[in-house]
Every structure is written in structure tokens, then in C-alpha cells.
Amino acid sequence: MSIVRYDLAVASWRTPEVVTITSRSGHAIAHFPLAFIRRGGDNTWSYVLSVVEDLTVRECELPWVIKDQEDVQVDPSDAPWQGTFVYEPSDSPEEPGFSRGPEYFRRFQPPPPGGSFSTRSDSKRSSARQVSTSIPG
């Protein structure tokens, strides 16, 4: 079976200003274009941390933090800046795992590169269009 590789979404932003979050061992967890964070309405490390928590599975119950290259924890209320940062528990050697994300309908078959139309996700056929059939009485 061949390995399927995808372009990272961060490449479509065409900006050198990127926040990269890795594990201690250097495994990439997330890449955020700074422009995306700034325009998103929550320009804080707290937002970045919440997204990284959604992307990972952590066995250790200690608080997990984001640290800069100098091993200093970022302040969650500060605005993020460009660079590579490490996501780790405050006092444990544990590495985060990755949470399972959305999957395609059939196992081992990636979605078509150009996208596709599916009535499974067609919001026009939502329950809002259904007619109430209550019986008077």
C-alpha cells in the first residue's frame, strides 16, 4: 500500500510568518500562519494552545504548556510570534499522541485531490426544510 501525502494548508497562505508547534522529539503537531491567528479574533497563545489540545491525546494529567526555544513558557494571554515552539507537560517526559480526525467514507481510500460533491454533507437538505407533521387533537 502506498503512503498518501498531502500539502500542508499553511503553504497556501504564502507567508514566512508561521508559528510551528512540535513535540519534544521534534514531531510537527501544528503550523499556524500568523496572519490567520491575527485575523481570527483571538490573537493569543491561549487560542493556539486550545487548538493543539484538540489535535493531541495526552496521558499525563499535568498541565501541558507551550515553550519557546529558550525553554521559557509562553504567556497564554500574549500575542503569538513567529518561530518554532514545543508543546510538553510541565514535569514529565511524555510525548503527545495525535487524536483521530475526520476520515473519508471508505478506509484506506483518500478523498479525491480536487474535492467532490456529496449529499452526505449537503447542508441544503437539512432538517430545516422538513415539514412538521403533527396531528391535531
N, C-alpha and C. Protein backbone atom coordinates (compact mmCIF):
# COMPACT_ATOMS: atom_id res chain seq x y z
N MET A 1 0.83 -1.16 0.00
CA MET A 1 0.00 0.00 0.00
C MET A 1 0.89 1.24 0.00
N SER A 2 0.57 2.20 -0.86
CA SER A 2 1.39 3.41 -0.94
C SER A 2 0.96 4.42 0.12
N ILE A 3 1.89 5.26 0.51
CA ILE A 3 1.63 6.29 1.51
C ILE A 3 1.08 7.52 0.80
N VAL A 4 -0.02 8.05 1.31
CA VAL A 4 -0.63 9.24 0.73
C VAL A 4 -0.07 10.45 1.47
N ARG A 5 0.38 11.44 0.74
CA ARG A 5 0.92 12.66 1.34
C ARG A 5 0.08 13.84 0.87
N TYR A 6 -0.13 14.79 1.76
CA TYR A 6 -0.92 15.97 1.46
C TYR A 6 -0.07 17.22 1.67
N ASP A 7 -0.35 18.25 0.88
CA ASP A 7 0.28 19.54 1.11
C ASP A 7 -0.29 20.13 2.38
N LEU A 8 0.55 20.79 3.17
CA LEU A 8 0.06 21.44 4.38
C LEU A 8 -0.73 22.68 4.02
N ALA A 9 -1.82 22.93 4.71
CA ALA A 9 -2.67 24.10 4.45
C ALA A 9 -1.89 25.40 4.66
N VAL A 10 -0.92 25.39 5.56
CA VAL A 10 -0.16 26.59 5.83
C VAL A 10 0.58 27.09 4.57
N ALA A 11 0.90 26.19 3.65
CA ALA A 11 1.59 26.58 2.41
C ALA A 11 0.72 27.47 1.53
N SER A 12 -0.60 27.32 1.62
CA SER A 12 -1.48 28.14 0.78
C SER A 12 -1.54 29.59 1.24
N TRP A 13 -1.07 29.89 2.43
CA TRP A 13 -1.07 31.27 2.92
C TRP A 13 0.09 32.08 2.35
N ARG A 14 1.08 31.42 1.83
CA ARG A 14 2.24 32.07 1.22
C ARG A 14 2.82 33.18 2.09
N THR A 15 3.13 32.83 3.32
CA THR A 15 3.72 33.79 4.24
C THR A 15 4.86 33.12 5.00
N PRO A 16 5.94 33.84 5.23
CA PRO A 16 7.03 33.26 6.00
C PRO A 16 6.77 33.33 7.51
N GLU A 17 5.76 34.10 7.92
CA GLU A 17 5.47 34.25 9.34
C GLU A 17 4.56 33.13 9.81
N VAL A 18 5.16 32.11 10.41
CA VAL A 18 4.44 30.91 10.82
C VAL A 18 4.83 30.55 12.25
N VAL A 19 3.84 30.10 13.02
CA VAL A 19 4.06 29.53 14.34
C VAL A 19 4.03 28.03 14.15
N THR A 20 5.11 27.35 14.49
CA THR A 20 5.19 25.90 14.38
C THR A 20 5.23 25.31 15.78
N ILE A 21 4.37 24.34 16.03
CA ILE A 21 4.33 23.67 17.33
C ILE A 21 4.81 22.23 17.11
N THR A 22 5.78 21.82 17.92
CA THR A 22 6.32 20.46 17.82
C THR A 22 6.26 19.79 19.20
N SER A 23 6.52 18.48 19.19
CA SER A 23 6.71 17.75 20.45
C SER A 23 8.17 17.92 20.86
N ARG A 24 8.53 17.44 22.03
CA ARG A 24 9.94 17.49 22.48
C ARG A 24 10.87 16.81 21.48
N SER A 25 10.39 15.70 20.91
CA SER A 25 11.23 14.94 19.99
C SER A 25 11.27 15.55 18.59
N GLY A 26 10.56 16.67 18.38
CA GLY A 26 10.62 17.35 17.09
C GLY A 26 9.53 16.98 16.11
N HIS A 27 8.57 16.15 16.50
CA HIS A 27 7.46 15.81 15.60
C HIS A 27 6.54 17.02 15.46
N ALA A 28 6.25 17.40 14.23
CA ALA A 28 5.37 18.54 13.98
C ALA A 28 3.95 18.22 14.45
N ILE A 29 3.36 19.15 15.18
CA ILE A 29 1.98 19.00 15.64
C ILE A 29 1.07 19.94 14.86
N ALA A 30 1.50 21.20 14.70
CA ALA A 30 0.66 22.17 14.01
C ALA A 30 1.50 23.31 13.46
N HIS A 31 1.01 23.90 12.38
CA HIS A 31 1.60 25.10 11.77
C HIS A 31 0.49 26.13 11.65
N PHE A 32 0.73 27.33 12.16
CA PHE A 32 -0.27 28.40 12.12
C PHE A 32 0.32 29.60 11.40
N PRO A 33 -0.26 30.06 10.30
CA PRO A 33 0.18 31.34 9.75
C PRO A 33 -0.19 32.45 10.75
N LEU A 34 0.74 33.33 11.05
CA LEU A 34 0.44 34.41 12.00
C LEU A 34 -0.74 35.26 11.53
N ALA A 35 -0.86 35.47 10.22
CA ALA A 35 -1.97 36.26 9.69
C ALA A 35 -3.31 35.60 10.05
N PHE A 36 -3.37 34.28 10.02
CA PHE A 36 -4.59 33.56 10.37
C PHE A 36 -4.94 33.79 11.84
N ILE A 37 -3.96 33.69 12.73
CA ILE A 37 -4.20 33.90 14.15
C ILE A 37 -4.64 35.34 14.40
N ARG A 38 -3.96 36.29 13.78
CA ARG A 38 -4.27 37.71 14.00
C ARG A 38 -5.67 38.07 13.52
N ARG A 39 -6.09 37.50 12.40
CA ARG A 39 -7.41 37.83 11.83
C ARG A 39 -8.54 37.01 12.44
N GLY A 40 -8.23 35.99 13.20
CA GLY A 40 -9.24 35.06 13.69
C GLY A 40 -10.05 35.53 14.88
N GLY A 41 -9.68 36.63 15.49
CA GLY A 41 -10.47 37.13 16.61
C GLY A 41 -9.92 36.77 17.98
N ASP A 42 -8.98 35.85 18.06
CA ASP A 42 -8.36 35.50 19.35
C ASP A 42 -6.85 35.39 19.14
N ASN A 43 -6.20 36.53 19.12
CA ASN A 43 -4.77 36.62 18.84
C ASN A 43 -3.96 36.37 20.11
N THR A 44 -4.10 35.13 20.67
CA THR A 44 -3.39 34.80 21.91
C THR A 44 -2.80 33.39 21.83
N TRP A 45 -1.82 33.15 22.70
CA TRP A 45 -1.27 31.80 22.83
C TRP A 45 -2.33 30.85 23.38
N SER A 46 -3.28 31.38 24.12
CA SER A 46 -4.36 30.55 24.65
C SER A 46 -5.13 29.88 23.51
N TYR A 47 -5.38 30.62 22.43
CA TYR A 47 -6.06 30.04 21.26
C TYR A 47 -5.19 28.92 20.65
N VAL A 48 -3.91 29.20 20.46
CA VAL A 48 -3.00 28.21 19.88
C VAL A 48 -3.00 26.95 20.75
N LEU A 49 -2.90 27.13 22.06
CA LEU A 49 -2.89 26.00 22.98
C LEU A 49 -4.18 25.20 22.88
N SER A 50 -5.32 25.86 22.76
CA SER A 50 -6.60 25.14 22.68
C SER A 50 -6.68 24.30 21.40
N VAL A 51 -6.16 24.81 20.29
CA VAL A 51 -6.16 24.04 19.05
C VAL A 51 -5.23 22.84 19.17
N VAL A 52 -4.04 23.05 19.73
CA VAL A 52 -3.08 21.96 19.90
C VAL A 52 -3.67 20.89 20.83
N GLU A 53 -4.39 21.30 21.86
CA GLU A 53 -5.03 20.31 22.75
C GLU A 53 -6.08 19.49 22.00
N ASP A 54 -6.78 20.11 21.04
CA ASP A 54 -7.76 19.37 20.23
C ASP A 54 -7.08 18.37 19.30
N LEU A 55 -5.87 18.66 18.89
CA LEU A 55 -5.15 17.82 17.94
C LEU A 55 -4.42 16.65 18.59
N THR A 56 -4.25 16.71 19.91
CA THR A 56 -3.42 15.72 20.59
C THR A 56 -4.18 14.94 21.65
N VAL A 57 -3.58 13.81 22.02
CA VAL A 57 -4.06 12.98 23.11
C VAL A 57 -2.95 12.96 24.14
N ARG A 58 -3.29 13.23 25.41
CA ARG A 58 -2.30 13.32 26.46
C ARG A 58 -2.65 12.36 27.59
N GLU A 59 -1.74 11.49 27.94
CA GLU A 59 -1.96 10.55 29.04
C GLU A 59 -1.67 11.23 30.38
N CYS A 60 -0.68 12.07 30.40
CA CYS A 60 -0.24 12.74 31.62
C CYS A 60 -1.27 13.79 32.03
N GLU A 61 -1.64 13.79 33.31
CA GLU A 61 -2.65 14.73 33.79
C GLU A 61 -2.06 16.06 34.23
N LEU A 62 -0.75 16.21 34.15
CA LEU A 62 -0.13 17.50 34.46
C LEU A 62 -0.55 18.52 33.42
N PRO A 63 -0.49 19.81 33.73
CA PRO A 63 -0.80 20.82 32.71
C PRO A 63 0.25 20.78 31.59
N TRP A 64 -0.23 20.92 30.35
CA TRP A 64 0.65 20.97 29.19
C TRP A 64 0.82 22.43 28.80
N VAL A 65 2.03 22.77 28.35
CA VAL A 65 2.35 24.16 28.05
C VAL A 65 3.08 24.26 26.71
N ILE A 66 3.17 25.48 26.22
CA ILE A 66 3.96 25.77 25.03
C ILE A 66 5.18 26.56 25.48
N LYS A 67 6.36 26.10 25.04
CA LYS A 67 7.61 26.76 25.42
C LYS A 67 8.36 27.22 24.17
N ASP A 68 9.11 28.32 24.31
CA ASP A 68 9.91 28.82 23.20
C ASP A 68 11.24 28.07 23.13
N GLN A 69 12.10 28.47 22.21
CA GLN A 69 13.39 27.79 22.02
C GLN A 69 14.34 27.96 23.20
N GLU A 70 14.06 28.91 24.06
CA GLU A 70 14.87 29.13 25.26
C GLU A 70 14.32 28.34 26.44
N ASP A 71 13.33 27.47 26.21
CA ASP A 71 12.68 26.65 27.23
C ASP A 71 11.87 27.48 28.22
N VAL A 72 11.35 28.64 27.76
CA VAL A 72 10.53 29.51 28.59
C VAL A 72 9.08 29.37 28.14
N GLN A 73 8.20 29.16 29.11
CA GLN A 73 6.78 29.01 28.81
C GLN A 73 6.21 30.33 28.31
N VAL A 74 5.43 30.28 27.23
CA VAL A 74 4.78 31.49 26.71
C VAL A 74 3.61 31.84 27.62
N ASP A 75 3.30 33.12 27.69
CA ASP A 75 2.16 33.59 28.48
C ASP A 75 0.90 33.41 27.64
N PRO A 76 -0.08 32.64 28.11
CA PRO A 76 -1.29 32.38 27.32
C PRO A 76 -2.03 33.63 26.87
N SER A 77 -1.88 34.75 27.57
CA SER A 77 -2.60 35.97 27.19
C SER A 77 -1.83 36.83 26.19
N ASP A 78 -0.57 36.49 25.92
CA ASP A 78 0.24 37.24 24.95
C ASP A 78 -0.13 36.88 23.52
N ALA A 79 0.18 37.79 22.60
CA ALA A 79 0.01 37.52 21.17
C ALA A 79 1.15 36.63 20.69
N PRO A 80 0.85 35.61 19.89
CA PRO A 80 1.91 34.74 19.36
C PRO A 80 2.87 35.48 18.43
N TRP A 81 4.08 34.96 18.31
CA TRP A 81 5.06 35.49 17.38
C TRP A 81 5.65 34.33 16.59
N GLN A 82 6.28 34.67 15.50
CA GLN A 82 6.86 33.68 14.58
C GLN A 82 7.92 32.84 15.27
N GLY A 83 7.96 31.55 14.92
CA GLY A 83 9.01 30.69 15.44
C GLY A 83 8.53 29.27 15.62
N THR A 84 9.42 28.44 16.17
CA THR A 84 9.12 27.05 16.47
C THR A 84 9.05 26.90 17.98
N PHE A 85 8.00 26.25 18.45
CA PHE A 85 7.73 26.13 19.88
C PHE A 85 7.45 24.67 20.21
N VAL A 86 7.63 24.32 21.49
CA VAL A 86 7.47 22.94 21.94
C VAL A 86 6.26 22.84 22.86
N TYR A 87 5.44 21.82 22.60
CA TYR A 87 4.28 21.51 23.42
C TYR A 87 4.66 20.33 24.31
N GLU A 88 4.58 20.53 25.64
CA GLU A 88 5.01 19.49 26.55
C GLU A 88 4.32 19.62 27.90
N PRO A 89 4.30 18.50 28.67
CA PRO A 89 3.77 18.60 30.02
C PRO A 89 4.78 19.33 30.90
N SER A 90 4.29 19.97 31.96
CA SER A 90 5.19 20.78 32.78
C SER A 90 6.29 19.99 33.46
N ASP A 91 6.07 18.72 33.82
CA ASP A 91 7.12 17.97 34.51
C ASP A 91 7.03 16.48 34.24
N SER A 92 7.11 16.11 32.96
CA SER A 92 7.00 14.71 32.57
C SER A 92 7.67 14.52 31.21
N PRO A 93 8.26 13.36 30.97
CA PRO A 93 8.89 13.11 29.67
C PRO A 93 7.91 12.66 28.58
N GLU A 94 6.63 12.64 28.89
CA GLU A 94 5.62 12.13 27.94
C GLU A 94 5.59 12.93 26.64
N GLU A 95 5.33 12.21 25.56
CA GLU A 95 5.12 12.80 24.24
C GLU A 95 3.63 12.75 23.93
N PRO A 96 3.08 13.78 23.31
CA PRO A 96 1.65 13.71 22.97
C PRO A 96 1.41 12.77 21.80
N GLY A 97 0.25 12.16 21.77
CA GLY A 97 -0.19 11.38 20.62
C GLY A 97 -1.12 12.26 19.80
N PHE A 98 -1.54 11.76 18.67
CA PHE A 98 -2.45 12.53 17.82
C PHE A 98 -3.86 12.00 17.95
N SER A 99 -4.82 12.91 18.08
CA SER A 99 -6.21 12.49 18.14
C SER A 99 -6.66 12.10 16.73
N ARG A 100 -7.68 11.27 16.65
CA ARG A 100 -8.21 10.87 15.35
C ARG A 100 -9.06 11.99 14.81
N GLY A 101 -8.85 12.33 13.58
CA GLY A 101 -9.61 13.40 12.95
C GLY A 101 -10.67 12.87 12.02
N PRO A 102 -11.24 13.75 11.22
CA PRO A 102 -12.25 13.31 10.25
C PRO A 102 -11.64 12.31 9.28
N GLU A 103 -12.43 11.37 8.88
CA GLU A 103 -11.96 10.35 7.96
C GLU A 103 -12.87 10.29 6.75
N TYR A 104 -12.35 9.75 5.68
CA TYR A 104 -13.14 9.58 4.47
C TYR A 104 -14.08 8.41 4.68
N PHE A 105 -15.05 8.25 3.81
CA PHE A 105 -16.09 7.24 3.99
C PHE A 105 -15.59 5.81 3.87
N ARG A 106 -14.53 5.61 3.14
CA ARG A 106 -14.01 4.26 2.97
C ARG A 106 -12.58 4.19 3.47
N ARG A 107 -12.31 3.19 4.27
CA ARG A 107 -10.99 3.01 4.84
C ARG A 107 -9.94 2.82 3.74
N PHE A 108 -8.79 3.38 3.93
CA PHE A 108 -7.63 3.27 3.04
C PHE A 108 -7.84 3.95 1.69
N GLN A 109 -8.90 4.75 1.54
CA GLN A 109 -9.09 5.48 0.29
C GLN A 109 -9.14 6.96 0.61
N PRO A 110 -8.12 7.73 0.16
CA PRO A 110 -8.12 9.16 0.44
C PRO A 110 -9.18 9.87 -0.39
N PRO A 111 -9.62 11.05 0.06
CA PRO A 111 -10.57 11.81 -0.75
C PRO A 111 -9.92 12.26 -2.04
N PRO A 112 -10.69 12.51 -3.11
CA PRO A 112 -10.12 12.96 -4.37
C PRO A 112 -9.41 14.30 -4.20
N PRO A 113 -8.25 14.49 -4.83
CA PRO A 113 -7.47 15.71 -4.66
C PRO A 113 -8.23 16.98 -5.04
N GLY A 114 -9.10 16.91 -6.03
CA GLY A 114 -9.83 18.10 -6.47
C GLY A 114 -11.11 18.34 -5.70
N GLY A 115 -11.39 17.51 -4.71
CA GLY A 115 -12.63 17.64 -3.97
C GLY A 115 -13.76 16.93 -4.69
N SER A 116 -14.89 16.86 -4.06
CA SER A 116 -16.04 16.21 -4.67
C SER A 116 -17.31 16.74 -4.03
N PHE A 117 -18.44 16.43 -4.63
CA PHE A 117 -19.73 16.83 -4.08
C PHE A 117 -20.39 15.59 -3.51
N SER A 118 -20.90 15.71 -2.31
CA SER A 118 -21.56 14.58 -1.69
C SER A 118 -22.82 15.06 -0.99
N THR A 119 -23.91 14.35 -1.17
CA THR A 119 -25.14 14.73 -0.47
C THR A 119 -25.03 14.40 1.01
N ARG A 120 -24.04 13.62 1.41
CA ARG A 120 -23.86 13.32 2.83
C ARG A 120 -23.55 14.58 3.63
N SER A 121 -22.91 15.54 2.99
CA SER A 121 -22.57 16.77 3.70
C SER A 121 -23.28 17.99 3.10
N ASP A 122 -24.31 17.76 2.30
CA ASP A 122 -25.03 18.86 1.67
C ASP A 122 -25.98 19.49 2.68
N SER A 123 -25.62 20.66 3.20
CA SER A 123 -26.42 21.28 4.25
C SER A 123 -27.78 21.75 3.76
N LYS A 124 -27.99 21.84 2.45
CA LYS A 124 -29.29 22.26 1.91
C LYS A 124 -30.38 21.25 2.21
N ARG A 125 -30.01 20.03 2.49
CA ARG A 125 -31.03 19.03 2.75
C ARG A 125 -31.22 18.81 4.26
N SER A 126 -30.93 19.84 5.04
CA SER A 126 -31.02 19.73 6.49
C SER A 126 -32.46 19.62 6.96
N SER A 127 -32.62 19.38 8.23
CA SER A 127 -33.96 19.21 8.80
C SER A 127 -34.76 20.50 8.75
N ALA A 128 -34.13 21.63 8.47
CA ALA A 128 -34.84 22.91 8.39
C ALA A 128 -35.85 22.90 7.24
N ARG A 129 -35.66 22.08 6.24
CA ARG A 129 -36.56 22.02 5.09
C ARG A 129 -37.71 21.03 5.31
N GLN A 130 -37.65 20.28 6.37
CA GLN A 130 -38.70 19.29 6.60
C GLN A 130 -39.96 19.97 7.12
N VAL A 131 -41.11 19.42 6.76
CA VAL A 131 -42.40 19.99 7.14
C VAL A 131 -42.89 19.27 8.39
N SER A 132 -43.40 20.02 9.32
CA SER A 132 -43.94 19.43 10.54
C SER A 132 -45.19 18.63 10.20
N THR A 133 -45.31 17.45 10.78
CA THR A 133 -46.46 16.59 10.51
C THR A 133 -47.21 16.28 11.79
N SER A 134 -47.35 17.26 12.65
CA SER A 134 -48.05 16.99 13.91
C SER A 134 -49.54 16.81 13.64
N ILE A 135 -50.16 15.95 14.38
CA ILE A 135 -51.58 15.64 14.20
C ILE A 135 -52.37 16.43 15.24
N PRO A 136 -53.35 17.22 14.77
CA PRO A 136 -54.13 17.99 15.74
C PRO A 136 -54.96 17.06 16.63
N GLY A 137 -55.19 17.49 17.82
CA GLY A 137 -56.04 16.64 18.56
C GLY A 137 -55.95 16.76 19.97
